[in-house]
Amino acid sequence: HFVCMIDLFGRAGQLDEAEYLLRNMPFGPNSVAWMGLLGACRIYGDVERGTHAAEYVLELDPMNAGPFILLSNIYAASGEWDHAAEVRKVMKERGVKAQPGRSCIEVKKKVHEFV
């Protein structure tokens, strides 16, 4: 429930509230909680908070491509092209690769998968 609230606060643009809840949960936040805040930072262009959120995600899940991609997009959207390129370079050096998205649908008891 905490992660849902972090996501809701973040989507509503209430990044201070989202971060406060994340940092004050009765247990340590996991990478999913930090990714919720990072996604909100991308939406609202919060470079500084997004950088910190990405660092926490990568501490917890160093092979997760998500924080690299989101942080690179945050930098690019703010015109910080050198930082965006550096993030992508580090991602490549560490051998982190993004997995393509997949969707599935069942029609007449047969599952169809789309990449």
PDB file of N, CA and C in Angstrom:
ATOM      1  N   HIS A   1       0.807  -1.192   0.000  1.00  0.00           N
ATOM      2  CA  HIS A   1       0.000   0.000   0.000  1.00  0.00           C
ATOM      3  C   HIS A   1       0.860   1.271   0.000  1.00  0.00           C
ATOM      4  N   PHE A   2       2.021   1.200   0.640  1.00  0.00           N
ATOM      5  CA  PHE A   2       2.902   2.361   0.652  1.00  0.00           C
ATOM      6  C   PHE A   2       3.353   2.707  -0.762  1.00  0.00           C
ATOM      7  N   VAL A   3       3.711   1.691  -1.545  1.00  0.00           N
ATOM      8  CA  VAL A   3       4.182   1.932  -2.912  1.00  0.00           C
ATOM      9  C   VAL A   3       3.064   2.550  -3.747  1.00  0.00           C
ATOM     10  N   CYS A   4       1.833   2.099  -3.540  1.00  0.00           N
ATOM     11  CA  CYS A   4       0.699   2.687  -4.273  1.00  0.00           C
ATOM     12  C   CYS A   4       0.539   4.161  -3.925  1.00  0.00           C
ATOM     13  N   MET A   5       0.668   4.496  -2.663  1.00  0.00           N
ATOM     14  CA  MET A   5       0.529   5.897  -2.246  1.00  0.00           C
ATOM     15  C   MET A   5       1.676   6.746  -2.786  1.00  0.00           C
ATOM     16  N   ILE A   6       2.881   6.195  -2.799  1.00  0.00           N
ATOM     17  CA  ILE A   6       4.024   6.923  -3.367  1.00  0.00           C
ATOM     18  C   ILE A   6       3.753   7.215  -4.839  1.00  0.00           C
ATOM     19  N   ASP A   7       3.251   6.204  -5.548  1.00  0.00           N
ATOM     20  CA  ASP A   7       2.932   6.366  -6.960  1.00  0.00           C
ATOM     21  C   ASP A   7       1.827   7.409  -7.156  1.00  0.00           C
ATOM     22  N   LEU A   8       0.780   7.354  -6.341  1.00  0.00           N
ATOM     23  CA  LEU A   8      -0.317   8.319  -6.455  1.00  0.00           C
ATOM     24  C   LEU A   8       0.148   9.745  -6.172  1.00  0.00           C
ATOM     25  N   PHE A   9       0.895   9.926  -5.088  1.00  0.00           N
ATOM     26  CA  PHE A   9       1.427  11.253  -4.797  1.00  0.00           C
ATOM     27  C   PHE A   9       2.288  11.743  -5.963  1.00  0.00           C
ATOM     28  N   GLY A  10       3.142  10.859  -6.469  1.00  0.00           N
ATOM     29  CA  GLY A  10       4.032  11.234  -7.563  1.00  0.00           C
ATOM     30  C   GLY A  10       3.283  11.622  -8.812  1.00  0.00           C
ATOM     31  N   ARG A  11       2.288  10.838  -9.199  1.00  0.00           N
ATOM     32  CA  ARG A  11       1.512  11.139 -10.407  1.00  0.00           C
ATOM     33  C   ARG A  11       0.730  12.444 -10.262  1.00  0.00           C
ATOM     34  N   ALA A  12       0.375  12.766  -9.021  1.00  0.00           N
ATOM     35  CA  ALA A  12      -0.359  14.005  -8.761  1.00  0.00           C
ATOM     36  C   ALA A  12       0.573  15.217  -8.658  1.00  0.00           C
ATOM     37  N   GLY A  13       1.869  14.985  -8.815  1.00  0.00           N
ATOM     38  CA  GLY A  13       2.833  16.078  -8.751  1.00  0.00           C
ATOM     39  C   GLY A  13       3.239  16.459  -7.345  1.00  0.00           C
ATOM     40  N   GLN A  14       2.837  15.672  -6.364  1.00  0.00           N
ATOM     41  CA  GLN A  14       3.179  15.945  -4.967  1.00  0.00           C
ATOM     42  C   GLN A  14       4.442  15.157  -4.592  1.00  0.00           C
ATOM     43  N   LEU A  15       5.547  15.558  -5.203  1.00  0.00           N
ATOM     44  CA  LEU A  15       6.801  14.815  -5.050  1.00  0.00           C
ATOM     45  C   LEU A  15       7.360  14.906  -3.634  1.00  0.00           C
ATOM     46  N   ASP A  16       7.167  16.029  -2.968  1.00  0.00           N
ATOM     47  CA  ASP A  16       7.632  16.140  -1.584  1.00  0.00           C
ATOM     48  C   ASP A  16       6.920  15.122  -0.705  1.00  0.00           C
ATOM     49  N   GLU A  17       5.606  15.007  -0.868  1.00  0.00           N
ATOM     50  CA  GLU A  17       4.829  14.061  -0.073  1.00  0.00           C
ATOM     51  C   GLU A  17       5.228  12.624  -0.401  1.00  0.00           C
ATOM     52  N   ALA A  18       5.434  12.347  -1.680  1.00  0.00           N
ATOM     53  CA  ALA A  18       5.836  11.003  -2.096  1.00  0.00           C
ATOM     54  C   ALA A  18       7.174  10.621  -1.467  1.00  0.00           C
ATOM     55  N   GLU A  19       8.127  11.539  -1.522  1.00  0.00           N
ATOM     56  CA  GLU A  19       9.441  11.248  -0.956  1.00  0.00           C
ATOM     57  C   GLU A  19       9.380  11.141   0.568  1.00  0.00           C
ATOM     58  N   TYR A  20       8.589  11.995   1.200  1.00  0.00           N
ATOM     59  CA  TYR A  20       8.450  11.928   2.660  1.00  0.00           C
ATOM     60  C   TYR A  20       7.903  10.561   3.076  1.00  0.00           C
ATOM     61  N   LEU A  21       6.856  10.105   2.404  1.00  0.00           N
ATOM     62  CA  LEU A  21       6.278   8.797   2.716  1.00  0.00           C
ATOM     63  C   LEU A  21       7.301   7.691   2.485  1.00  0.00           C
ATOM     64  N   LEU A  22       8.014   7.768   1.387  1.00  0.00           N
ATOM     65  CA  LEU A  22       9.016   6.756   1.053  1.00  0.00           C
ATOM     66  C   LEU A  22      10.097   6.671   2.131  1.00  0.00           C
ATOM     67  N   ARG A  23      10.565   7.803   2.575  1.00  0.00           N
ATOM     68  CA  ARG A  23      11.646   7.832   3.563  1.00  0.00           C
ATOM     69  C   ARG A  23      11.169   7.523   4.984  1.00  0.00           C
ATOM     70  N   ASN A  24       9.860   7.590   5.228  1.00  0.00           N
ATOM     71  CA  ASN A  24       9.346   7.382   6.576  1.00  0.00           C
ATOM     72  C   ASN A  24       8.474   6.135   6.709  1.00  0.00           C
ATOM     73  N   MET A  25       8.579   5.217   5.777  1.00  0.00           N
ATOM     74  CA  MET A  25       7.852   3.955   5.894  1.00  0.00           C
ATOM     75  C   MET A  25       8.403   3.186   7.087  1.00  0.00           C
ATOM     76  N   PRO A  26       7.590   2.327   7.696  1.00  0.00           N
ATOM     77  CA  PRO A  26       8.063   1.575   8.865  1.00  0.00           C
ATOM     78  C   PRO A  26       9.090   0.492   8.510  1.00  0.00           C
ATOM     79  N   PHE A  27       9.379   0.328   7.242  1.00  0.00           N
ATOM     80  CA  PHE A  27      10.387  -0.626   6.774  1.00  0.00           C
ATOM     81  C   PHE A  27      11.148   0.056   5.650  1.00  0.00           C
ATOM     82  N   GLY A  28      12.302  -0.477   5.316  1.00  0.00           N
ATOM     83  CA  GLY A  28      13.112   0.135   4.263  1.00  0.00           C
ATOM     84  C   GLY A  28      12.450   0.033   2.906  1.00  0.00           C
ATOM     85  N   PRO A  29      12.481   1.100   2.109  1.00  0.00           N
ATOM     86  CA  PRO A  29      11.875   1.057   0.780  1.00  0.00           C
ATOM     87  C   PRO A  29      12.639   0.131  -0.157  1.00  0.00           C
ATOM     88  N   ASN A  30      11.889  -0.548  -1.018  1.00  0.00           N
ATOM     89  CA  ASN A  30      12.513  -1.420  -2.009  1.00  0.00           C
ATOM     90  C   ASN A  30      12.685  -0.661  -3.327  1.00  0.00           C
ATOM     91  N   SER A  31      13.222  -1.340  -4.314  1.00  0.00           N
ATOM     92  CA  SER A  31      13.494  -0.674  -5.591  1.00  0.00           C
ATOM     93  C   SER A  31      12.204  -0.249  -6.286  1.00  0.00           C
ATOM     94  N   VAL A  32      11.110  -0.966  -6.070  1.00  0.00           N
ATOM     95  CA  VAL A  32       9.837  -0.602  -6.698  1.00  0.00           C
ATOM     96  C   VAL A  32       9.346   0.744  -6.163  1.00  0.00           C
ATOM     97  N   ALA A  33       9.475   0.955  -4.862  1.00  0.00           N
ATOM     98  CA  ALA A  33       9.077   2.234  -4.266  1.00  0.00           C
ATOM     99  C   ALA A  33       9.905   3.380  -4.853  1.00  0.00           C
ATOM    100  N   TRP A  34      11.215   3.173  -4.938  1.00  0.00           N
ATOM    101  CA  TRP A  34      12.082   4.216  -5.498  1.00  0.00           C
ATOM    102  C   TRP A  34      11.776   4.450  -6.974  1.00  0.00           C
ATOM    103  N   MET A  35      11.428   3.374  -7.712  1.00  0.00           N
ATOM    104  CA  MET A  35      11.078   3.536  -9.123  1.00  0.00           C
ATOM    105  C   MET A  35       9.810   4.364  -9.278  1.00  0.00           C
ATOM    106  N   GLY A  36       8.872   4.232  -8.345  1.00  0.00           N
ATOM    107  CA  GLY A  36       7.672   5.062  -8.392  1.00  0.00           C
ATOM    108  C   GLY A  36       8.015   6.533  -8.311  1.00  0.00           C
ATOM    109  N   LEU A  37       8.905   6.866  -7.381  1.00  0.00           N
ATOM    110  CA  LEU A  37       9.337   8.253  -7.253  1.00  0.00           C
ATOM    111  C   LEU A  37      10.123   8.688  -8.483  1.00  0.00           C
ATOM    112  N   LEU A  38      10.979   7.828  -8.995  1.00  0.00           N
ATOM    113  CA  LEU A  38      11.780   8.156 -10.177  1.00  0.00           C
ATOM    114  C   LEU A  38      10.885   8.424 -11.384  1.00  0.00           C
ATOM    115  N   GLY A  39       9.848   7.618 -11.560  1.00  0.00           N
ATOM    116  CA  GLY A  39       8.919   7.836 -12.667  1.00  0.00           C
ATOM    117  C   GLY A  39       8.228   9.189 -12.561  1.00  0.00           C
ATOM    118  N   ALA A  40       7.860   9.562 -11.346  1.00  0.00           N
ATOM    119  CA  ALA A  40       7.237  10.868 -11.135  1.00  0.00           C
ATOM    120  C   ALA A  40       8.223  11.995 -11.440  1.00  0.00           C
ATOM    121  N   CYS A  41       9.474  11.780 -11.086  1.00  0.00           N
ATOM    122  CA  CYS A  41      10.504  12.788 -11.382  1.00  0.00           C
ATOM    123  C   CYS A  41      10.654  12.982 -12.881  1.00  0.00           C
ATOM    124  N   ARG A  42      10.518  11.913 -13.643  1.00  0.00           N
ATOM    125  CA  ARG A  42      10.569  12.031 -15.097  1.00  0.00           C
ATOM    126  C   ARG A  42       9.387  12.851 -15.600  1.00  0.00           C
ATOM    127  N   ILE A  43       8.199  12.557 -15.095  1.00  0.00           N
ATOM    128  CA  ILE A  43       6.998  13.276 -15.534  1.00  0.00           C
ATOM    129  C   ILE A  43       7.109  14.767 -15.237  1.00  0.00           C
ATOM    130  N   TYR A  44       7.601  15.098 -14.042  1.00  0.00           N
ATOM    131  CA  TYR A  44       7.616  16.496 -13.600  1.00  0.00           C
ATOM    132  C   TYR A  44       8.979  17.180 -13.742  1.00  0.00           C
ATOM    133  N   GLY A  45       9.962  16.478 -14.338  1.00  0.00           N
ATOM    134  CA  GLY A  45      11.250  17.092 -14.646  1.00  0.00           C
ATOM    135  C   GLY A  45      12.098  17.452 -13.439  1.00  0.00           C
ATOM    136  N   ASP A  46      11.985  16.666 -12.373  1.00  0.00           N
ATOM    137  CA  ASP A  46      12.771  16.928 -11.163  1.00  0.00           C
ATOM    138  C   ASP A  46      14.104  16.193 -11.269  1.00  0.00           C
ATOM    139  N   VAL A  47      15.086  16.879 -11.816  1.00  0.00           N
ATOM    140  CA  VAL A  47      16.394  16.269 -12.104  1.00  0.00           C
ATOM    141  C   VAL A  47      17.103  15.839 -10.821  1.00  0.00           C
ATOM    142  N   GLU A  48      17.175  16.722  -9.850  1.00  0.00           N
ATOM    143  CA  GLU A  48      17.934  16.423  -8.633  1.00  0.00           C
ATOM    144  C   GLU A  48      17.333  15.235  -7.873  1.00  0.00           C
ATOM    145  N   ARG A  49      16.033  15.273  -7.646  1.00  0.00           N
ATOM    146  CA  ARG A  49      15.375  14.188  -6.913  1.00  0.00           C
ATOM    147  C   ARG A  49      15.442  12.892  -7.728  1.00  0.00           C
ATOM    148  N   GLY A  50      15.296  13.006  -9.045  1.00  0.00           N
ATOM    149  CA  GLY A  50      15.376  11.843  -9.918  1.00  0.00           C
ATOM    150  C   GLY A  50      16.746  11.184  -9.876  1.00  0.00           C
ATOM    151  N   THR A  51      17.785  11.997  -9.820  1.00  0.00           N
ATOM    152  CA  THR A  51      19.153  11.469  -9.729  1.00  0.00           C
ATOM    153  C   THR A  51      19.325  10.667  -8.441  1.00  0.00           C
ATOM    154  N   HIS A  52      18.834  11.203  -7.335  1.00  0.00           N
ATOM    155  CA  HIS A  52      18.948  10.493  -6.054  1.00  0.00           C
ATOM    156  C   HIS A  52      18.120   9.207  -6.057  1.00  0.00           C
ATOM    157  N   ALA A  53      16.913   9.272  -6.604  1.00  0.00           N
ATOM    158  CA  ALA A  53      16.064   8.083  -6.662  1.00  0.00           C
ATOM    159  C   ALA A  53      16.721   6.993  -7.503  1.00  0.00           C
ATOM    160  N   ALA A  54      17.298   7.370  -8.640  1.00  0.00           N
ATOM    161  CA  ALA A  54      17.975   6.396  -9.498  1.00  0.00           C
ATOM    162  C   ALA A  54      19.147   5.747  -8.766  1.00  0.00           C
ATOM    163  N   GLU A  55      19.899   6.538  -8.006  1.00  0.00           N
ATOM    164  CA  GLU A  55      21.028   5.988  -7.247  1.00  0.00           C
ATOM    165  C   GLU A  55      20.557   4.931  -6.257  1.00  0.00           C
ATOM    166  N   TYR A  56      19.440   5.190  -5.572  1.00  0.00           N
ATOM    167  CA  TYR A  56      18.910   4.213  -4.617  1.00  0.00           C
ATOM    168  C   TYR A  56      18.438   2.942  -5.318  1.00  0.00           C
ATOM    169  N   VAL A  57      17.760   3.096  -6.449  1.00  0.00           N
ATOM    170  CA  VAL A  57      17.308   1.909  -7.190  1.00  0.00           C
ATOM    171  C   VAL A  57      18.508   1.067  -7.603  1.00  0.00           C
ATOM    172  N   LEU A  58      19.546   1.721  -8.106  1.00  0.00           N
ATOM    173  CA  LEU A  58      20.711   0.985  -8.588  1.00  0.00           C
ATOM    174  C   LEU A  58      21.503   0.335  -7.459  1.00  0.00           C
ATOM    175  N   GLU A  59      21.413   0.890  -6.258  1.00  0.00           N
ATOM    176  CA  GLU A  59      22.012   0.212  -5.096  1.00  0.00           C
ATOM    177  C   GLU A  59      21.297  -1.098  -4.820  1.00  0.00           C
ATOM    178  N   LEU A  60      19.976  -1.068  -4.937  1.00  0.00           N
ATOM    179  CA  LEU A  60      19.157  -2.234  -4.613  1.00  0.00           C
ATOM    180  C   LEU A  60      19.067  -3.237  -5.757  1.00  0.00           C
ATOM    181  N   ASP A  61      19.132  -2.749  -6.989  1.00  0.00           N
ATOM    182  CA  ASP A  61      18.936  -3.601  -8.171  1.00  0.00           C
ATOM    183  C   ASP A  61      19.842  -3.110  -9.301  1.00  0.00           C
ATOM    184  N   PRO A  62      21.146  -3.397  -9.211  1.00  0.00           N
ATOM    185  CA  PRO A  62      22.110  -2.795 -10.142  1.00  0.00           C
ATOM    186  C   PRO A  62      21.963  -3.199 -11.611  1.00  0.00           C
ATOM    187  N   MET A  63      21.258  -4.288 -11.900  1.00  0.00           N
ATOM    188  CA  MET A  63      21.113  -4.705 -13.289  1.00  0.00           C
ATOM    189  C   MET A  63      19.755  -4.317 -13.876  1.00  0.00           C
ATOM    190  N   ASN A  64      19.019  -3.493 -13.176  1.00  0.00           N
ATOM    191  CA  ASN A  64      17.725  -3.016 -13.648  1.00  0.00           C
ATOM    192  C   ASN A  64      17.953  -1.884 -14.650  1.00  0.00           C
ATOM    193  N   ALA A  65      17.473  -2.057 -15.859  1.00  0.00           N
ATOM    194  CA  ALA A  65      17.654  -1.044 -16.904  1.00  0.00           C
ATOM    195  C   ALA A  65      16.769   0.174 -16.682  1.00  0.00           C
ATOM    196  N   GLY A  66      15.666   0.003 -15.970  1.00  0.00           N
ATOM    197  CA  GLY A  66      14.693   1.076 -15.784  1.00  0.00           C
ATOM    198  C   GLY A  66      15.263   2.381 -15.270  1.00  0.00           C
ATOM    199  N   PRO A  67      16.019   2.361 -14.166  1.00  0.00           N
ATOM    200  CA  PRO A  67      16.534   3.635 -13.663  1.00  0.00           C
ATOM    201  C   PRO A  67      17.517   4.311 -14.625  1.00  0.00           C
ATOM    202  N   PHE A  68      18.279   3.535 -15.348  1.00  0.00           N
ATOM    203  CA  PHE A  68      19.198   4.119 -16.332  1.00  0.00           C
ATOM    204  C   PHE A  68      18.399   4.862 -17.407  1.00  0.00           C
ATOM    205  N   ILE A  69      17.366   4.204 -17.922  1.00  0.00           N
ATOM    206  CA  ILE A  69      16.580   4.780 -19.011  1.00  0.00           C
ATOM    207  C   ILE A  69      15.820   6.009 -18.531  1.00  0.00           C
ATOM    208  N   LEU A  70      15.167   5.900 -17.367  1.00  0.00           N
ATOM    209  CA  LEU A  70      14.414   7.045 -16.850  1.00  0.00           C
ATOM    210  C   LEU A  70      15.327   8.228 -16.557  1.00  0.00           C
ATOM    211  N   LEU A  71      16.471   7.963 -15.930  1.00  0.00           N
ATOM    212  CA  LEU A  71      17.387   9.051 -15.610  1.00  0.00           C
ATOM    213  C   LEU A  71      17.939   9.694 -16.881  1.00  0.00           C
ATOM    214  N   SER A  72      18.280   8.884 -17.862  1.00  0.00           N
ATOM    215  CA  SER A  72      18.747   9.430 -19.137  1.00  0.00           C
ATOM    216  C   SER A  72      17.671  10.308 -19.767  1.00  0.00           C
ATOM    217  N   ASN A  73      16.419   9.874 -19.691  1.00  0.00           N
ATOM    218  CA  ASN A  73      15.316  10.661 -20.250  1.00  0.00           C
ATOM    219  C   ASN A  73      15.091  11.959 -19.472  1.00  0.00           C
ATOM    220  N   ILE A  74      15.262  11.908 -18.152  1.00  0.00           N
ATOM    221  CA  ILE A  74      15.142  13.119 -17.333  1.00  0.00           C
ATOM    222  C   ILE A  74      16.197  14.138 -17.758  1.00  0.00           C
ATOM    223  N   TYR A  75      17.436  13.663 -17.885  1.00  0.00           N
ATOM    224  CA  TYR A  75      18.512  14.562 -18.308  1.00  0.00           C
ATOM    225  C   TYR A  75      18.247  15.124 -19.703  1.00  0.00           C
ATOM    226  N   ALA A  76      17.847  14.267 -20.630  1.00  0.00           N
ATOM    227  CA  ALA A  76      17.606  14.716 -22.004  1.00  0.00           C
ATOM    228  C   ALA A  76      16.494  15.757 -22.052  1.00  0.00           C
ATOM    229  N   ALA A  77      15.416  15.519 -21.309  1.00  0.00           N
ATOM    230  CA  ALA A  77      14.290  16.467 -21.309  1.00  0.00           C
ATOM    231  C   ALA A  77      14.683  17.830 -20.745  1.00  0.00           C
ATOM    232  N   SER A  78      15.684  17.830 -19.864  1.00  0.00           N
ATOM    233  CA  SER A  78      16.123  19.103 -19.283  1.00  0.00           C
ATOM    234  C   SER A  78      17.278  19.718 -20.075  1.00  0.00           C
ATOM    235  N   GLY A  79      17.629  19.090 -21.201  1.00  0.00           N
ATOM    236  CA  GLY A  79      18.686  19.622 -22.054  1.00  0.00           C
ATOM    237  C   GLY A  79      20.092  19.274 -21.610  1.00  0.00           C
ATOM    238  N   GLU A  80      20.198  18.382 -20.635  1.00  0.00           N
ATOM    239  CA  GLU A  80      21.517  17.970 -20.131  1.00  0.00           C
ATOM    240  C   GLU A  80      21.999  16.745 -20.909  1.00  0.00           C
ATOM    241  N   TRP A  81      22.322  16.981 -22.171  1.00  0.00           N
ATOM    242  CA  TRP A  81      22.650  15.888 -23.091  1.00  0.00           C
ATOM    243  C   TRP A  81      23.915  15.141 -22.692  1.00  0.00           C
ATOM    244  N   ASP A  82      24.894  15.830 -22.131  1.00  0.00           N
ATOM    245  CA  ASP A  82      26.123  15.159 -21.707  1.00  0.00           C
ATOM    246  C   ASP A  82      25.834  14.166 -20.585  1.00  0.00           C
ATOM    247  N   HIS A  83      24.989  14.575 -19.628  1.00  0.00           N
ATOM    248  CA  HIS A  83      24.624  13.665 -18.544  1.00  0.00           C
ATOM    249  C   HIS A  83      23.821  12.474 -19.067  1.00  0.00           C
ATOM    250  N   ALA A  84      22.910  12.733 -20.001  1.00  0.00           N
ATOM    251  CA  ALA A  84      22.112  11.655 -20.587  1.00  0.00           C
ATOM    252  C   ALA A  84      23.016  10.632 -21.271  1.00  0.00           C
ATOM    253  N   ALA A  85      23.985  11.115 -22.025  1.00  0.00           N
ATOM    254  CA  ALA A  85      24.920  10.219 -22.724  1.00  0.00           C
ATOM    255  C   ALA A  85      25.776   9.438 -21.729  1.00  0.00           C
ATOM    256  N   GLU A  86      26.181  10.085 -20.648  1.00  0.00           N
ATOM    257  CA  GLU A  86      26.995   9.419 -19.631  1.00  0.00           C
ATOM    258  C   GLU A  86      26.222   8.276 -18.973  1.00  0.00           C
ATOM    259  N   VAL A  87      24.951   8.500 -18.686  1.00  0.00           N
ATOM    260  CA  VAL A  87      24.132   7.443 -18.084  1.00  0.00           C
ATOM    261  C   VAL A  87      24.039   6.250 -19.028  1.00  0.00           C
ATOM    262  N   ARG A  88      23.789   6.507 -20.296  1.00  0.00           N
ATOM    263  CA  ARG A  88      23.705   5.415 -21.285  1.00  0.00           C
ATOM    264  C   ARG A  88      25.049   4.699 -21.419  1.00  0.00           C
ATOM    265  N   LYS A  89      26.144   5.447 -21.327  1.00  0.00           N
ATOM    266  CA  LYS A  89      27.484   4.855 -21.416  1.00  0.00           C
ATOM    267  C   LYS A  89      27.728   3.907 -20.237  1.00  0.00           C
ATOM    268  N   VAL A  90      27.379   4.352 -19.030  1.00  0.00           N
ATOM    269  CA  VAL A  90      27.557   3.515 -17.842  1.00  0.00           C
ATOM    270  C   VAL A  90      26.696   2.262 -17.956  1.00  0.00           C
ATOM    271  N   MET A  91      25.485   2.437 -18.442  1.00  0.00           N
ATOM    272  CA  MET A  91      24.589   1.286 -18.629  1.00  0.00           C
ATOM    273  C   MET A  91      25.234   0.252 -19.557  1.00  0.00           C
ATOM    274  N   LYS A  92      25.798   0.718 -20.650  1.00  0.00           N
ATOM    275  CA  LYS A  92      26.444  -0.183 -21.612  1.00  0.00           C
ATOM    276  C   LYS A  92      27.682  -0.841 -21.000  1.00  0.00           C
ATOM    277  N   GLU A  93      28.496  -0.055 -20.281  1.00  0.00           N
ATOM    278  CA  GLU A  93      29.706  -0.589 -19.659  1.00  0.00           C
ATOM    279  C   GLU A  93      29.388  -1.698 -18.661  1.00  0.00           C
ATOM    280  N   ARG A  94      28.283  -1.552 -17.951  1.00  0.00           N
ATOM    281  CA  ARG A  94      27.883  -2.560 -16.960  1.00  0.00           C
ATOM    282  C   ARG A  94      27.153  -3.749 -17.568  1.00  0.00           C
ATOM    283  N   GLY A  95      26.892  -3.665 -18.863  1.00  0.00           N
ATOM    284  CA  GLY A  95      26.210  -4.762 -19.546  1.00  0.00           C
ATOM    285  C   GLY A  95      24.724  -4.852 -19.232  1.00  0.00           C
ATOM    286  N   VAL A  96      24.128  -3.738 -18.843  1.00  0.00           N
ATOM    287  CA  VAL A  96      22.697  -3.714 -18.531  1.00  0.00           C
ATOM    288  C   VAL A  96      21.927  -3.493 -19.821  1.00  0.00           C
ATOM    289  N   LYS A  97      20.953  -4.355 -20.071  1.00  0.00           N
ATOM    290  CA  LYS A  97      20.158  -4.248 -21.295  1.00  0.00           C
ATOM    291  C   LYS A  97      18.683  -4.182 -20.948  1.00  0.00           C
ATOM    292  N   ALA A  98      17.976  -3.346 -21.684  1.00  0.00           N
ATOM    293  CA  ALA A  98      16.530  -3.221 -21.501  1.00  0.00           C
ATOM    294  C   ALA A  98      15.849  -4.413 -22.175  1.00  0.00           C
ATOM    295  N   GLN A  99      14.867  -4.947 -21.495  1.00  0.00           N
ATOM    296  CA  GLN A  99      14.074  -6.040 -22.060  1.00  0.00           C
ATOM    297  C   GLN A  99      12.889  -5.433 -22.802  1.00  0.00           C
ATOM    298  N   PRO A 100      12.557  -5.972 -23.970  1.00  0.00           N
ATOM    299  CA  PRO A 100      11.398  -5.431 -24.690  1.00  0.00           C
ATOM    300  C   PRO A 100      10.111  -5.711 -23.921  1.00  0.00           C
ATOM    301  N   GLY A 101       9.162  -4.805 -24.049  1.00  0.00           N
ATOM    302  CA  GLY A 101       7.864  -4.997 -23.405  1.00  0.00           C
ATOM    303  C   GLY A 101       7.091  -6.118 -24.086  1.00  0.00           C
ATOM    304  N   ARG A 102       6.237  -6.774 -23.321  1.00  0.00           N
ATOM    305  CA  ARG A 102       5.425  -7.864 -23.863  1.00  0.00           C
ATOM    306  C   ARG A 102       3.995  -7.715 -23.386  1.00  0.00           C
ATOM    307  N   SER A 103       3.086  -8.111 -24.250  1.00  0.00           N
ATOM    308  CA  SER A 103       1.674  -8.151 -23.900  1.00  0.00           C
ATOM    309  C   SER A 103       1.128  -9.507 -24.310  1.00  0.00           C
ATOM    310  N   CYS A 104       0.174 -10.003 -23.551  1.00  0.00           N
ATOM    311  CA  CYS A 104      -0.457 -11.288 -23.861  1.00  0.00           C
ATOM    312  C   CYS A 104      -1.965 -11.117 -23.866  1.00  0.00           C
ATOM    313  N   ILE A 105      -2.611 -11.895 -24.712  1.00  0.00           N
ATOM    314  CA  ILE A 105      -4.067 -11.928 -24.749  1.00  0.00           C
ATOM    315  C   ILE A 105      -4.490 -13.362 -25.028  1.00  0.00           C
ATOM    316  N   GLU A 106      -5.562 -13.772 -24.386  1.00  0.00           N
ATOM    317  CA  GLU A 106      -6.081 -15.113 -24.620  1.00  0.00           C
ATOM    318  C   GLU A 106      -7.346 -15.000 -25.462  1.00  0.00           C
ATOM    319  N   VAL A 107      -7.343 -15.699 -26.592  1.00  0.00           N
ATOM    320  CA  VAL A 107      -8.491 -15.731 -27.486  1.00  0.00           C
ATOM    321  C   VAL A 107      -8.806 -17.187 -27.784  1.00  0.00           C
ATOM    322  N   LYS A 108     -10.025 -17.591 -27.476  1.00  0.00           N
ATOM    323  CA  LYS A 108     -10.478 -18.969 -27.721  1.00  0.00           C
ATOM    324  C   LYS A 108      -9.507 -19.982 -27.124  1.00  0.00           C
ATOM    325  N   LYS A 109      -9.136 -19.738 -25.873  1.00  0.00           N
ATOM    326  CA  LYS A 109      -8.273 -20.622 -25.087  1.00  0.00           C
ATOM    327  C   LYS A 109      -6.851 -20.758 -25.638  1.00  0.00           C
ATOM    328  N   LYS A 110      -6.445 -19.818 -26.477  1.00  0.00           N
ATOM    329  CA  LYS A 110      -5.080 -19.804 -26.988  1.00  0.00           C
ATOM    330  C   LYS A 110      -4.465 -18.454 -26.610  1.00  0.00           C
ATOM    331  N   VAL A 111      -3.239 -18.489 -26.050  1.00  0.00           N
ATOM    332  CA  VAL A 111      -2.555 -17.281 -25.625  1.00  0.00           C
ATOM    333  C   VAL A 111      -1.676 -16.753 -26.758  1.00  0.00           C
ATOM    334  N   HIS A 112      -1.836 -15.470 -27.047  1.00  0.00           N
ATOM    335  CA  HIS A 112      -1.047 -14.806 -28.086  1.00  0.00           C
ATOM    336  C   HIS A 112      -0.167 -13.768 -27.392  1.00  0.00           C
ATOM    337  N   GLU A 113       1.122 -13.779 -27.717  1.00  0.00           N
ATOM    338  CA  GLU A 113       2.069 -12.861 -27.092  1.00  0.00           C
ATOM    339  C   GLU A 113       2.596 -11.888 -28.134  1.00  0.00           C
ATOM    340  N   PHE A 114       2.646 -10.619 -27.735  1.00  0.00           N
ATOM    341  CA  PHE A 114       3.133  -9.553 -28.615  1.00  0.00           C
ATOM    342  C   PHE A 114       4.343  -8.902 -27.982  1.00  0.00           C
ATOM    343  N   VAL A 115       5.366  -8.660 -28.758  1.00  0.00           N
ATOM    344  CA  VAL A 115       6.576  -8.018 -28.262  1.00  0.00           C
ATOM    345  C   VAL A 115       6.613  -6.591 -28.725  1.00  0.00           C
TER     346      VAL A 115
END
